[in-house]
Amino acid sequence: MHSIQQKLHIGSDGLLQIHLPEARDTDIYVVIVYSVSLPKPVEALPLAQFYGCIQDETFTRHPQSEQSERELFE
């Protein structure tokens, strides 16, 4: 059994072409597992860019309770 992993392009006709040079004039079993490529992730913007972005005067941050003491890792 052989395994190949490649990034391939599927044309507008929906056909995927895979070249197997070691398999000629024979029957084979094929299992296809595919994942659609996701768009590139958006780069993180600096937090300072968002300072003062809320223009609503009624927006308030409610009081926060003190964080409890945590056990230290060794």
N, C-alpha and C. Protein backbone atom coordinates (compact mmCIF):
# COMPACT_ATOMS: atom_id res chain seq x y z
N MET A 1 0.85 -1.17 0.00
CA MET A 1 0.00 0.00 0.00
C MET A 1 0.89 1.23 0.00
N HIS A 2 0.53 2.21 -0.80
CA HIS A 2 1.29 3.44 -0.90
C HIS A 2 0.41 4.60 -0.45
N SER A 3 1.04 5.65 0.02
CA SER A 3 0.32 6.84 0.44
C SER A 3 1.01 8.06 -0.14
N ILE A 4 0.22 8.98 -0.69
CA ILE A 4 0.78 10.24 -1.18
C ILE A 4 -0.03 11.38 -0.59
N GLN A 5 0.65 12.50 -0.38
CA GLN A 5 -0.03 13.68 0.13
C GLN A 5 0.44 14.85 -0.70
N GLN A 6 -0.50 15.51 -1.38
CA GLN A 6 -0.18 16.63 -2.25
C GLN A 6 -1.27 17.67 -2.15
N LYS A 7 -0.90 18.92 -2.43
CA LYS A 7 -1.90 19.96 -2.57
C LYS A 7 -2.16 20.07 -4.06
N LEU A 8 -3.39 19.79 -4.47
CA LEU A 8 -3.74 19.76 -5.88
C LEU A 8 -4.86 20.76 -6.17
N HIS A 9 -5.04 21.07 -7.43
CA HIS A 9 -6.08 22.00 -7.85
C HIS A 9 -7.17 21.24 -8.60
N ILE A 10 -8.41 21.52 -8.23
CA ILE A 10 -9.55 20.94 -8.95
C ILE A 10 -10.06 21.99 -9.91
N GLY A 11 -10.15 21.65 -11.18
CA GLY A 11 -10.58 22.59 -12.20
C GLY A 11 -12.07 22.92 -12.10
N SER A 12 -12.50 23.85 -12.92
CA SER A 12 -13.90 24.28 -12.91
C SER A 12 -14.84 23.15 -13.30
N ASP A 13 -14.32 22.10 -13.93
CA ASP A 13 -15.14 20.95 -14.30
C ASP A 13 -15.31 19.97 -13.14
N GLY A 14 -14.62 20.23 -12.02
CA GLY A 14 -14.75 19.36 -10.85
C GLY A 14 -13.88 18.12 -10.92
N LEU A 15 -13.00 18.03 -11.89
CA LEU A 15 -12.14 16.84 -12.03
C LEU A 15 -10.80 17.05 -11.34
N LEU A 16 -10.36 16.01 -10.65
CA LEU A 16 -9.07 15.99 -9.99
C LEU A 16 -8.20 14.99 -10.73
N GLN A 17 -7.02 15.42 -11.14
CA GLN A 17 -6.11 14.53 -11.85
C GLN A 17 -4.95 14.18 -10.94
N ILE A 18 -4.69 12.87 -10.79
CA ILE A 18 -3.59 12.39 -9.97
C ILE A 18 -2.73 11.48 -10.84
N HIS A 19 -1.45 11.80 -10.91
CA HIS A 19 -0.51 11.02 -11.71
C HIS A 19 0.16 9.98 -10.81
N LEU A 20 0.02 8.70 -11.15
CA LEU A 20 0.63 7.61 -10.39
C LEU A 20 1.59 6.86 -11.32
N PRO A 21 2.85 7.30 -11.36
CA PRO A 21 3.78 6.69 -12.32
C PRO A 21 4.08 5.22 -12.05
N GLU A 22 3.98 4.76 -10.79
CA GLU A 22 4.30 3.35 -10.50
C GLU A 22 3.13 2.42 -10.76
N ALA A 23 1.94 2.94 -11.02
CA ALA A 23 0.77 2.10 -11.26
C ALA A 23 0.35 2.23 -12.72
N ARG A 24 0.65 1.20 -13.49
CA ARG A 24 0.28 1.21 -14.92
C ARG A 24 -0.42 -0.10 -15.27
N ASP A 25 -1.45 0.02 -16.08
CA ASP A 25 -2.16 -1.14 -16.61
C ASP A 25 -2.57 -2.11 -15.49
N THR A 26 -3.19 -1.57 -14.45
CA THR A 26 -3.63 -2.40 -13.33
C THR A 26 -4.84 -1.77 -12.66
N ASP A 27 -5.55 -2.54 -11.87
CA ASP A 27 -6.67 -2.04 -11.08
C ASP A 27 -6.14 -1.65 -9.70
N ILE A 28 -6.68 -0.58 -9.15
CA ILE A 28 -6.28 -0.15 -7.81
C ILE A 28 -7.51 0.25 -7.01
N TYR A 29 -7.38 0.20 -5.70
CA TYR A 29 -8.39 0.73 -4.79
C TYR A 29 -7.91 2.09 -4.33
N VAL A 30 -8.81 3.05 -4.31
CA VAL A 30 -8.44 4.42 -3.94
C VAL A 30 -9.35 4.90 -2.82
N VAL A 31 -8.76 5.51 -1.80
CA VAL A 31 -9.51 6.18 -0.73
C VAL A 31 -9.10 7.64 -0.78
N ILE A 32 -10.07 8.53 -0.88
CA ILE A 32 -9.78 9.96 -0.95
C ILE A 32 -10.35 10.63 0.29
N VAL A 33 -9.48 11.32 1.00
CA VAL A 33 -9.89 12.16 2.13
C VAL A 33 -9.45 13.56 1.75
N TYR A 34 -10.40 14.50 1.71
CA TYR A 34 -10.00 15.83 1.28
C TYR A 34 -10.49 16.90 2.23
N SER A 35 -9.80 18.03 2.18
CA SER A 35 -10.14 19.19 2.99
C SER A 35 -10.01 20.41 2.10
N VAL A 36 -11.01 21.24 2.10
CA VAL A 36 -10.97 22.45 1.29
C VAL A 36 -9.99 23.42 1.94
N SER A 37 -9.12 24.01 1.15
CA SER A 37 -8.16 24.97 1.68
C SER A 37 -8.89 26.17 2.24
N LEU A 38 -8.49 26.58 3.44
CA LEU A 38 -9.10 27.74 4.06
C LEU A 38 -8.34 29.00 3.65
N PRO A 39 -9.01 30.13 3.65
CA PRO A 39 -8.29 31.36 3.33
C PRO A 39 -7.20 31.63 4.36
N LYS A 40 -6.23 32.42 3.99
CA LYS A 40 -5.15 32.74 4.90
C LYS A 40 -5.71 33.44 6.13
N PRO A 41 -5.16 33.12 7.32
CA PRO A 41 -5.66 33.77 8.54
C PRO A 41 -5.39 35.26 8.52
N VAL A 42 -6.27 36.00 9.16
CA VAL A 42 -6.10 37.45 9.26
C VAL A 42 -5.02 37.73 10.29
N GLU A 43 -4.11 38.62 9.94
CA GLU A 43 -3.05 38.97 10.87
C GLU A 43 -3.62 39.72 12.07
N ALA A 44 -3.06 39.46 13.23
CA ALA A 44 -3.50 40.13 14.44
C ALA A 44 -3.13 41.61 14.37
N LEU A 45 -4.07 42.44 14.76
CA LEU A 45 -3.82 43.88 14.78
C LEU A 45 -3.40 44.29 16.18
N PRO A 46 -2.58 45.32 16.29
CA PRO A 46 -2.18 45.77 17.63
C PRO A 46 -3.38 46.25 18.43
N LEU A 47 -3.40 45.88 19.71
CA LEU A 47 -4.51 46.24 20.58
C LEU A 47 -4.70 47.75 20.67
N ALA A 48 -3.61 48.48 20.61
CA ALA A 48 -3.69 49.95 20.72
C ALA A 48 -4.56 50.55 19.61
N GLN A 49 -4.70 49.86 18.51
CA GLN A 49 -5.51 50.36 17.40
C GLN A 49 -6.99 50.47 17.81
N PHE A 50 -7.40 49.71 18.82
CA PHE A 50 -8.81 49.69 19.22
C PHE A 50 -9.11 50.55 20.44
N TYR A 51 -8.11 51.19 21.03
CA TYR A 51 -8.36 52.06 22.18
C TYR A 51 -9.30 53.19 21.77
N GLY A 52 -10.32 53.40 22.58
CA GLY A 52 -11.26 54.49 22.32
C GLY A 52 -12.22 54.24 21.19
N CYS A 53 -12.37 52.98 20.74
CA CYS A 53 -13.23 52.72 19.58
C CYS A 53 -14.71 52.69 19.95
N ILE A 54 -15.05 52.57 21.24
CA ILE A 54 -16.46 52.57 21.65
C ILE A 54 -16.87 54.02 21.90
N GLN A 55 -17.77 54.51 21.08
CA GLN A 55 -18.18 55.91 21.15
C GLN A 55 -19.45 56.12 21.97
N ASP A 56 -20.00 55.07 22.56
CA ASP A 56 -21.25 55.14 23.32
C ASP A 56 -20.95 55.53 24.76
N GLU A 57 -21.44 56.72 25.20
CA GLU A 57 -21.16 57.19 26.56
C GLU A 57 -21.84 56.32 27.62
N THR A 58 -22.87 55.57 27.26
CA THR A 58 -23.58 54.74 28.23
C THR A 58 -22.85 53.42 28.49
N PHE A 59 -21.84 53.14 27.71
CA PHE A 59 -21.07 51.90 27.88
C PHE A 59 -20.17 52.03 29.11
N THR A 60 -20.32 51.12 30.05
CA THR A 60 -19.47 51.13 31.24
C THR A 60 -18.96 49.72 31.51
N ARG A 61 -17.80 49.66 32.13
CA ARG A 61 -17.26 48.36 32.54
C ARG A 61 -17.67 48.16 33.99
N HIS A 62 -18.35 47.07 34.23
CA HIS A 62 -18.81 46.76 35.58
C HIS A 62 -17.64 46.40 36.48
N PRO A 63 -17.77 46.63 37.78
CA PRO A 63 -16.68 46.29 38.71
C PRO A 63 -16.32 44.81 38.62
N GLN A 64 -15.03 44.53 38.71
CA GLN A 64 -14.52 43.16 38.62
C GLN A 64 -14.12 42.69 40.01
N SER A 65 -14.41 41.45 40.33
CA SER A 65 -14.00 40.90 41.62
C SER A 65 -12.52 40.56 41.56
N GLU A 66 -11.89 40.41 42.74
CA GLU A 66 -10.48 40.04 42.81
C GLU A 66 -10.31 38.60 42.35
N GLN A 67 -9.24 38.36 41.61
CA GLN A 67 -8.96 37.00 41.15
C GLN A 67 -8.42 36.19 42.32
N SER A 68 -8.89 34.97 42.46
CA SER A 68 -8.45 34.12 43.56
C SER A 68 -7.00 33.70 43.36
N GLU A 69 -6.34 33.39 44.47
CA GLU A 69 -4.94 32.94 44.43
C GLU A 69 -4.88 31.57 43.76
N ARG A 70 -3.93 31.39 42.86
CA ARG A 70 -3.80 30.12 42.15
C ARG A 70 -2.58 29.36 42.64
N GLU A 71 -2.66 28.05 42.54
CA GLU A 71 -1.55 27.21 42.93
C GLU A 71 -0.45 27.32 41.88
N LEU A 72 0.80 27.44 42.32
CA LEU A 72 1.93 27.58 41.40
C LEU A 72 2.29 26.23 40.80
N PHE A 73 2.73 26.25 39.55
CA PHE A 73 3.24 25.04 38.90
C PHE A 73 4.70 24.85 39.28
N GLU A 74 5.12 23.63 39.36
CA GLU A 74 6.53 23.36 39.66
C GLU A 74 7.25 22.94 38.43
